[in-house]
Amino acid sequence: MGLFMDPLDEALAIPDMPKFINKEQVERFRGTGRVRIEDDVLTTENGCVNWTKIPRTVHEIEDWIAGVDDDSKYD
C-alpha cells in the first residue's frame, strides 16, 4: 500500500491495537498514501518567514511524541 499505510496495517494486526485506531478512517484514506504539511508563511520586503514550526523528520516526530524534544522550537 505504500509507506503511509504499512505501519497502520501492521498496527491493526497487533492484538488489542485496533481499539486505538479508527479503521473506517484508515480505509477512507487508503490509496492516498501521502501526508501533506502546509506551511504558514509571512512574506515581507526582506523575504519570507516560515511560521510553521513542527517536527518534520521521523527522528524529530519520535522525539516529540516521546517527550524528549524541546517543544519550544515548535511554538
PDB file of N, CA and C in Angstrom:
ATOM      1  N   MET A   1       0.810  -1.203   0.000  1.00  0.00           N
ATOM      2  CA  MET A   1       0.000   0.000   0.000  1.00  0.00           C
ATOM      3  C   MET A   1       0.848   1.259   0.000  1.00  0.00           C
ATOM      4  N   GLY A   2       2.090   1.148   0.374  1.00  0.00           N
ATOM      5  CA  GLY A   2       2.928   2.328   0.421  1.00  0.00           C
ATOM      6  C   GLY A   2       3.346   2.633   1.847  1.00  0.00           C
ATOM      7  N   LEU A   3       4.277   3.519   1.977  1.00  0.00           N
ATOM      8  CA  LEU A   3       4.860   3.806   3.285  1.00  0.00           C
ATOM      9  C   LEU A   3       3.862   4.324   4.302  1.00  0.00           C
ATOM     10  N   PHE A   4       2.867   5.071   3.850  1.00  0.00           N
ATOM     11  CA  PHE A   4       1.907   5.660   4.774  1.00  0.00           C
ATOM     12  C   PHE A   4       1.027   4.599   5.427  1.00  0.00           C
ATOM     13  N   MET A   5       0.576   3.625   4.664  1.00  0.00           N
ATOM     14  CA  MET A   5      -0.373   2.645   5.183  1.00  0.00           C
ATOM     15  C   MET A   5       0.293   1.445   5.848  1.00  0.00           C
ATOM     16  N   ASP A   6       1.528   1.122   5.485  1.00  0.00           N
ATOM     17  CA  ASP A   6       2.170  -0.068   6.035  1.00  0.00           C
ATOM     18  C   ASP A   6       2.164  -0.097   7.563  1.00  0.00           C
ATOM     19  N   PRO A   7       2.588   0.970   8.248  1.00  0.00           N
ATOM     20  CA  PRO A   7       2.558   0.929   9.723  1.00  0.00           C
ATOM     21  C   PRO A   7       1.150   0.790  10.285  1.00  0.00           C
ATOM     22  N   LEU A   8       0.162   1.364   9.609  1.00  0.00           N
ATOM     23  CA  LEU A   8      -1.218   1.229  10.083  1.00  0.00           C
ATOM     24  C   LEU A   8      -1.697  -0.207   9.929  1.00  0.00           C
ATOM     25  N   ASP A   9      -1.370  -0.836   8.813  1.00  0.00           N
ATOM     26  CA  ASP A   9      -1.742  -2.236   8.620  1.00  0.00           C
ATOM     27  C   ASP A   9      -1.053  -3.126   9.651  1.00  0.00           C
ATOM     28  N   GLU A  10       0.228  -2.836   9.923  1.00  0.00           N
ATOM     29  CA  GLU A  10       0.959  -3.604  10.928  1.00  0.00           C
ATOM     30  C   GLU A  10       0.327  -3.403  12.312  1.00  0.00           C
ATOM     31  N   ALA A  11      -0.058  -2.183  12.627  1.00  0.00           N
ATOM     32  CA  ALA A  11      -0.674  -1.900  13.927  1.00  0.00           C
ATOM     33  C   ALA A  11      -2.013  -2.611  14.058  1.00  0.00           C
ATOM     34  N   LEU A  12      -2.789  -2.645  12.984  1.00  0.00           N
ATOM     35  CA  LEU A  12      -4.088  -3.319  13.028  1.00  0.00           C
ATOM     36  C   LEU A  12      -3.950  -4.817  13.257  1.00  0.00           C
ATOM     37  N   ALA A  13      -2.778  -5.381  12.941  1.00  0.00           N
ATOM     38  CA  ALA A  13      -2.547  -6.813  13.123  1.00  0.00           C
ATOM     39  C   ALA A  13      -2.123  -7.160  14.549  1.00  0.00           C
ATOM     40  N   ILE A  14      -1.817  -6.163  15.367  1.00  0.00           N
ATOM     41  CA  ILE A  14      -1.396  -6.400  16.754  1.00  0.00           C
ATOM     42  C   ILE A  14      -2.639  -6.552  17.626  1.00  0.00           C
ATOM     43  N   PRO A  15      -2.695  -7.615  18.433  1.00  0.00           N
ATOM     44  CA  PRO A  15      -3.852  -7.784  19.309  1.00  0.00           C
ATOM     45  C   PRO A  15      -4.057  -6.551  20.195  1.00  0.00           C
ATOM     46  N   ASP A  16      -5.292  -6.163  20.361  1.00  0.00           N
ATOM     47  CA  ASP A  16      -5.710  -5.016  21.178  1.00  0.00           C
ATOM     48  C   ASP A  16      -5.397  -3.648  20.566  1.00  0.00           C
ATOM     49  N   MET A  17      -4.567  -3.587  19.539  1.00  0.00           N
ATOM     50  CA  MET A  17      -4.233  -2.297  18.939  1.00  0.00           C
ATOM     51  C   MET A  17      -5.404  -1.705  18.144  1.00  0.00           C
ATOM     52  N   PRO A  18      -6.204  -2.504  17.438  1.00  0.00           N
ATOM     53  CA  PRO A  18      -7.295  -1.912  16.652  1.00  0.00           C
ATOM     54  C   PRO A  18      -8.266  -1.056  17.452  1.00  0.00           C
ATOM     55  N   LYS A  19      -8.369  -1.268  18.764  1.00  0.00           N
ATOM     56  CA  LYS A  19      -9.278  -0.441  19.553  1.00  0.00           C
ATOM     57  C   LYS A  19      -8.792   1.003  19.641  1.00  0.00           C
ATOM     58  N   PHE A  20      -7.529   1.239  19.296  1.00  0.00           N
ATOM     59  CA  PHE A  20      -6.977   2.590  19.315  1.00  0.00           C
ATOM     60  C   PHE A  20      -6.950   3.244  17.931  1.00  0.00           C
ATOM     61  N   ILE A  21      -7.374   2.520  16.916  1.00  0.00           N
ATOM     62  CA  ILE A  21      -7.307   3.010  15.529  1.00  0.00           C
ATOM     63  C   ILE A  21      -8.704   3.005  14.929  1.00  0.00           C
ATOM     64  N   ASN A  22      -9.083   4.095  14.315  1.00  0.00           N
ATOM     65  CA  ASN A  22     -10.370   4.191  13.652  1.00  0.00           C
ATOM     66  C   ASN A  22     -10.243   3.566  12.266  1.00  0.00           C
ATOM     67  N   LYS A  23     -10.577   2.281  12.193  1.00  0.00           N
ATOM     68  CA  LYS A  23     -10.379   1.525  10.947  1.00  0.00           C
ATOM     69  C   LYS A  23     -11.165   2.120   9.781  1.00  0.00           C
ATOM     70  N   GLU A  24     -12.334   2.664  10.041  1.00  0.00           N
ATOM     71  CA  GLU A  24     -13.127   3.270   8.961  1.00  0.00           C
ATOM     72  C   GLU A  24     -12.382   4.450   8.336  1.00  0.00           C
ATOM     73  N   GLN A  25     -11.724   5.246   9.173  1.00  0.00           N
ATOM     74  CA  GLN A  25     -10.961   6.379   8.649  1.00  0.00           C
ATOM     75  C   GLN A  25      -9.713   5.904   7.906  1.00  0.00           C
ATOM     76  N   VAL A  26      -9.092   4.834   8.404  1.00  0.00           N
ATOM     77  CA  VAL A  26      -7.940   4.265   7.699  1.00  0.00           C
ATOM     78  C   VAL A  26      -8.371   3.835   6.299  1.00  0.00           C
ATOM     79  N   GLU A  27      -9.486   3.131   6.219  1.00  0.00           N
ATOM     80  CA  GLU A  27      -9.969   2.668   4.909  1.00  0.00           C
ATOM     81  C   GLU A  27     -10.366   3.849   4.018  1.00  0.00           C
ATOM     82  N   ARG A  28     -10.911   4.886   4.623  1.00  0.00           N
ATOM     83  CA  ARG A  28     -11.312   6.066   3.852  1.00  0.00           C
ATOM     84  C   ARG A  28     -10.123   6.676   3.110  1.00  0.00           C
ATOM     85  N   PHE A  29      -8.964   6.678   3.754  1.00  0.00           N
ATOM     86  CA  PHE A  29      -7.784   7.303   3.160  1.00  0.00           C
ATOM     87  C   PHE A  29      -6.840   6.317   2.477  1.00  0.00           C
ATOM     88  N   ARG A  30      -7.196   5.036   2.488  1.00  0.00           N
ATOM     89  CA  ARG A  30      -6.351   4.041   1.815  1.00  0.00           C
ATOM     90  C   ARG A  30      -6.247   4.397   0.334  1.00  0.00           C
ATOM     91  N   GLY A  31      -5.052   4.341  -0.145  1.00  0.00           N
ATOM     92  CA  GLY A  31      -4.834   4.668  -1.553  1.00  0.00           C
ATOM     93  C   GLY A  31      -4.323   6.087  -1.767  1.00  0.00           C
ATOM     94  N   THR A  32      -4.515   6.939  -0.768  1.00  0.00           N
ATOM     95  CA  THR A  32      -3.983   8.294  -0.925  1.00  0.00           C
ATOM     96  C   THR A  32      -2.483   8.286  -0.682  1.00  0.00           C
ATOM     97  N   GLY A  33      -2.045   7.568   0.334  1.00  0.00           N
ATOM     98  CA  GLY A  33      -0.646   7.313   0.562  1.00  0.00           C
ATOM     99  C   GLY A  33       0.256   8.499   0.843  1.00  0.00           C
ATOM    100  N   ARG A  34      -0.280   9.618   1.189  1.00  0.00           N
ATOM    101  CA  ARG A  34       0.565  10.784   1.421  1.00  0.00           C
ATOM    102  C   ARG A  34       0.085  11.568   2.644  1.00  0.00           C
ATOM    103  N   VAL A  35       1.007  12.309   3.222  1.00  0.00           N
ATOM    104  CA  VAL A  35       0.689  13.261   4.272  1.00  0.00           C
ATOM    105  C   VAL A  35       1.134  14.609   3.754  1.00  0.00           C
ATOM    106  N   ARG A  36       0.286  15.599   3.877  1.00  0.00           N
ATOM    107  CA  ARG A  36       0.621  16.929   3.384  1.00  0.00           C
ATOM    108  C   ARG A  36       0.780  17.874   4.567  1.00  0.00           C
ATOM    109  N   ILE A  37       1.929  18.518   4.608  1.00  0.00           N
ATOM    110  CA  ILE A  37       2.181  19.532   5.624  1.00  0.00           C
ATOM    111  C   ILE A  37       2.245  20.861   4.897  1.00  0.00           C
ATOM    112  N   GLU A  38       1.362  21.755   5.254  1.00  0.00           N
ATOM    113  CA  GLU A  38       1.363  23.081   4.643  1.00  0.00           C
ATOM    114  C   GLU A  38       1.960  24.074   5.618  1.00  0.00           C
ATOM    115  N   ASP A  39       2.753  24.974   5.094  1.00  0.00           N
ATOM    116  CA  ASP A  39       3.384  25.991   5.920  1.00  0.00           C
ATOM    117  C   ASP A  39       2.600  27.295   5.868  1.00  0.00           C
ATOM    118  N   ASP A  40       2.585  27.987   6.998  1.00  0.00           N
ATOM    119  CA  ASP A  40       2.092  29.363   7.044  1.00  0.00           C
ATOM    120  C   ASP A  40       3.310  30.258   6.918  1.00  0.00           C
ATOM    121  N   VAL A  41       3.322  31.075   5.881  1.00  0.00           N
ATOM    122  CA  VAL A  41       4.494  31.890   5.580  1.00  0.00           C
ATOM    123  C   VAL A  41       4.097  33.358   5.540  1.00  0.00           C
ATOM    124  N   LEU A  42       4.924  34.183   6.185  1.00  0.00           N
ATOM    125  CA  LEU A  42       4.757  35.631   6.134  1.00  0.00           C
ATOM    126  C   LEU A  42       5.744  36.164   5.102  1.00  0.00           C
ATOM    127  N   THR A  43       5.246  36.870   4.097  1.00  0.00           N
ATOM    128  CA  THR A  43       6.109  37.474   3.095  1.00  0.00           C
ATOM    129  C   THR A  43       6.319  38.937   3.441  1.00  0.00           C
ATOM    130  N   THR A  44       7.582  39.321   3.545  1.00  0.00           N
ATOM    131  CA  THR A  44       7.936  40.701   3.890  1.00  0.00           C
ATOM    132  C   THR A  44       8.788  41.289   2.765  1.00  0.00           C
ATOM    133  N   GLU A  45       9.137  42.547   2.896  1.00  0.00           N
ATOM    134  CA  GLU A  45      10.006  43.186   1.918  1.00  0.00           C
ATOM    135  C   GLU A  45      11.382  42.521   1.871  1.00  0.00           C
ATOM    136  N   ASN A  46      11.782  41.918   2.983  1.00  0.00           N
ATOM    137  CA  ASN A  46      13.118  41.322   3.085  1.00  0.00           C
ATOM    138  C   ASN A  46      13.139  39.817   2.850  1.00  0.00           C
ATOM    139  N   GLY A  47      12.002  39.234   2.537  1.00  0.00           N
ATOM    140  CA  GLY A  47      11.953  37.794   2.311  1.00  0.00           C
ATOM    141  C   GLY A  47      10.765  37.156   2.995  1.00  0.00           C
ATOM    142  N   CYS A  48      10.906  35.876   3.294  1.00  0.00           N
ATOM    143  CA  CYS A  48       9.806  35.116   3.900  1.00  0.00           C
ATOM    144  C   CYS A  48      10.191  34.617   5.280  1.00  0.00           C
ATOM    145  N   VAL A  49       9.174  34.517   6.131  1.00  0.00           N
ATOM    146  CA  VAL A  49       9.342  33.941   7.462  1.00  0.00           C
ATOM    147  C   VAL A  49       8.370  32.769   7.554  1.00  0.00           C
ATOM    148  N   ASN A  50       8.918  31.584   7.775  1.00  0.00           N
ATOM    149  CA  ASN A  50       8.077  30.398   7.902  1.00  0.00           C
ATOM    150  C   ASN A  50       7.568  30.329   9.337  1.00  0.00           C
ATOM    151  N   TRP A  51       6.260  30.477   9.519  1.00  0.00           N
ATOM    152  CA  TRP A  51       5.647  30.451  10.844  1.00  0.00           C
ATOM    153  C   TRP A  51       5.290  29.043  11.291  1.00  0.00           C
ATOM    154  N   THR A  52       5.398  28.072  10.414  1.00  0.00           N
ATOM    155  CA  THR A  52       5.053  26.696  10.761  1.00  0.00           C
ATOM    156  C   THR A  52       6.258  26.051  11.422  1.00  0.00           C
ATOM    157  N   LYS A  53       6.120  25.748  12.682  1.00  0.00           N
ATOM    158  CA  LYS A  53       7.211  25.146  13.430  1.00  0.00           C
ATOM    159  C   LYS A  53       6.712  23.822  14.007  1.00  0.00           C
ATOM    160  N   ILE A  54       6.937  22.763  13.240  1.00  0.00           N
ATOM    161  CA  ILE A  54       6.509  21.425  13.649  1.00  0.00           C
ATOM    162  C   ILE A  54       7.640  20.440  13.376  1.00  0.00           C
ATOM    163  N   PRO A  55       7.672  19.333  14.104  1.00  0.00           N
ATOM    164  CA  PRO A  55       8.672  18.316  13.782  1.00  0.00           C
ATOM    165  C   PRO A  55       8.359  17.724  12.406  1.00  0.00           C
ATOM    166  N   ARG A  56       9.384  17.504  11.597  1.00  0.00           N
ATOM    167  CA  ARG A  56       9.167  17.024  10.238  1.00  0.00           C
ATOM    168  C   ARG A  56       9.838  15.686   9.947  1.00  0.00           C
ATOM    169  N   THR A  57      10.989  15.434  10.517  1.00  0.00           N
ATOM    170  CA  THR A  57      11.674  14.178  10.228  1.00  0.00           C
ATOM    171  C   THR A  57      11.141  13.093  11.163  1.00  0.00           C
ATOM    172  N   VAL A  58      11.381  11.855  10.809  1.00  0.00           N
ATOM    173  CA  VAL A  58      10.949  10.741  11.652  1.00  0.00           C
ATOM    174  C   VAL A  58      11.568  10.886  13.045  1.00  0.00           C
ATOM    175  N   HIS A  59      12.847  11.211  13.092  1.00  0.00           N
ATOM    176  CA  HIS A  59      13.531  11.365  14.378  1.00  0.00           C
ATOM    177  C   HIS A  59      12.899  12.484  15.208  1.00  0.00           C
ATOM    178  N   GLU A  60      12.651  13.650  14.592  1.00  0.00           N
ATOM    179  CA  GLU A  60      12.032  14.763  15.315  1.00  0.00           C
ATOM    180  C   GLU A  60      10.644  14.386  15.838  1.00  0.00           C
ATOM    181  N   ILE A  61       9.853  13.714  15.016  1.00  0.00           N
ATOM    182  CA  ILE A  61       8.497  13.324  15.410  1.00  0.00           C
ATOM    183  C   ILE A  61       8.538  12.313  16.556  1.00  0.00           C
ATOM    184  N   GLU A  62       9.420  11.311  16.446  1.00  0.00           N
ATOM    185  CA  GLU A  62       9.526  10.316  17.508  1.00  0.00           C
ATOM    186  C   GLU A  62       9.979  10.948  18.817  1.00  0.00           C
ATOM    187  N   ASP A  63      10.950  11.870  18.740  1.00  0.00           N
ATOM    188  CA  ASP A  63      11.399  12.560  19.950  1.00  0.00           C
ATOM    189  C   ASP A  63      10.289  13.403  20.555  1.00  0.00           C
ATOM    190  N   TRP A  64       9.540  14.091  19.706  1.00  0.00           N
ATOM    191  CA  TRP A  64       8.454  14.946  20.187  1.00  0.00           C
ATOM    192  C   TRP A  64       7.382  14.110  20.866  1.00  0.00           C
ATOM    193  N   ILE A  65       7.004  12.986  20.254  1.00  0.00           N
ATOM    194  CA  ILE A  65       5.983  12.100  20.833  1.00  0.00           C
ATOM    195  C   ILE A  65       6.478  11.534  22.169  1.00  0.00           C
ATOM    196  N   ALA A  66       7.757  11.186  22.231  1.00  0.00           N
ATOM    197  CA  ALA A  66       8.328  10.615  23.448  1.00  0.00           C
ATOM    198  C   ALA A  66       8.543  11.663  24.533  1.00  0.00           C
ATOM    199  N   GLY A  67       8.408  12.936  24.167  1.00  0.00           N
ATOM    200  CA  GLY A  67       8.578  14.000  25.136  1.00  0.00           C
ATOM    201  C   GLY A  67      10.026  14.340  25.438  1.00  0.00           C
ATOM    202  N   VAL A  68      10.947  13.893  24.584  1.00  0.00           N
ATOM    203  CA  VAL A  68      12.363  14.181  24.814  1.00  0.00           C
ATOM    204  C   VAL A  68      12.869  15.338  23.964  1.00  0.00           C
ATOM    205  N   ASP A  69      11.991  15.927  23.178  1.00  0.00           N
ATOM    206  CA  ASP A  69      12.378  17.033  22.330  1.00  0.00           C
ATOM    207  C   ASP A  69      11.983  18.351  22.990  1.00  0.00           C
ATOM    208  N   ASP A  70      12.677  19.395  22.653  1.00  0.00           N
ATOM    209  CA  ASP A  70      12.389  20.726  23.181  1.00  0.00           C
ATOM    210  C   ASP A  70      11.186  21.293  22.441  1.00  0.00           C
ATOM    211  N   ASP A  71      10.027  21.295  23.111  1.00  0.00           N
ATOM    212  CA  ASP A  71       8.802  21.771  22.471  1.00  0.00           C
ATOM    213  C   ASP A  71       8.856  23.232  22.054  1.00  0.00           C
ATOM    214  N   SER A  72       9.721  24.006  22.694  1.00  0.00           N
ATOM    215  CA  SER A  72       9.710  25.447  22.422  1.00  0.00           C
ATOM    216  C   SER A  72      10.057  25.767  20.970  1.00  0.00           C
ATOM    217  N   LYS A  73      10.800  24.903  20.300  1.00  0.00           N
ATOM    218  CA  LYS A  73      11.124  25.204  18.909  1.00  0.00           C
ATOM    219  C   LYS A  73       9.928  24.989  17.986  1.00  0.00           C
ATOM    220  N   TYR A  74       8.851  24.382  18.492  1.00  0.00           N
ATOM    221  CA  TYR A  74       7.640  24.193  17.685  1.00  0.00           C
ATOM    222  C   TYR A  74       6.529  25.149  18.054  1.00  0.00           C
ATOM    223  N   ASP A  75       6.789  26.075  18.975  1.00  0.00           N
ATOM    224  CA  ASP A  75       5.761  27.055  19.395  1.00  0.00           C
ATOM    225  C   ASP A  75       5.553  28.095  18.313  1.00  0.00           C
TER     226      ASP A  75
END
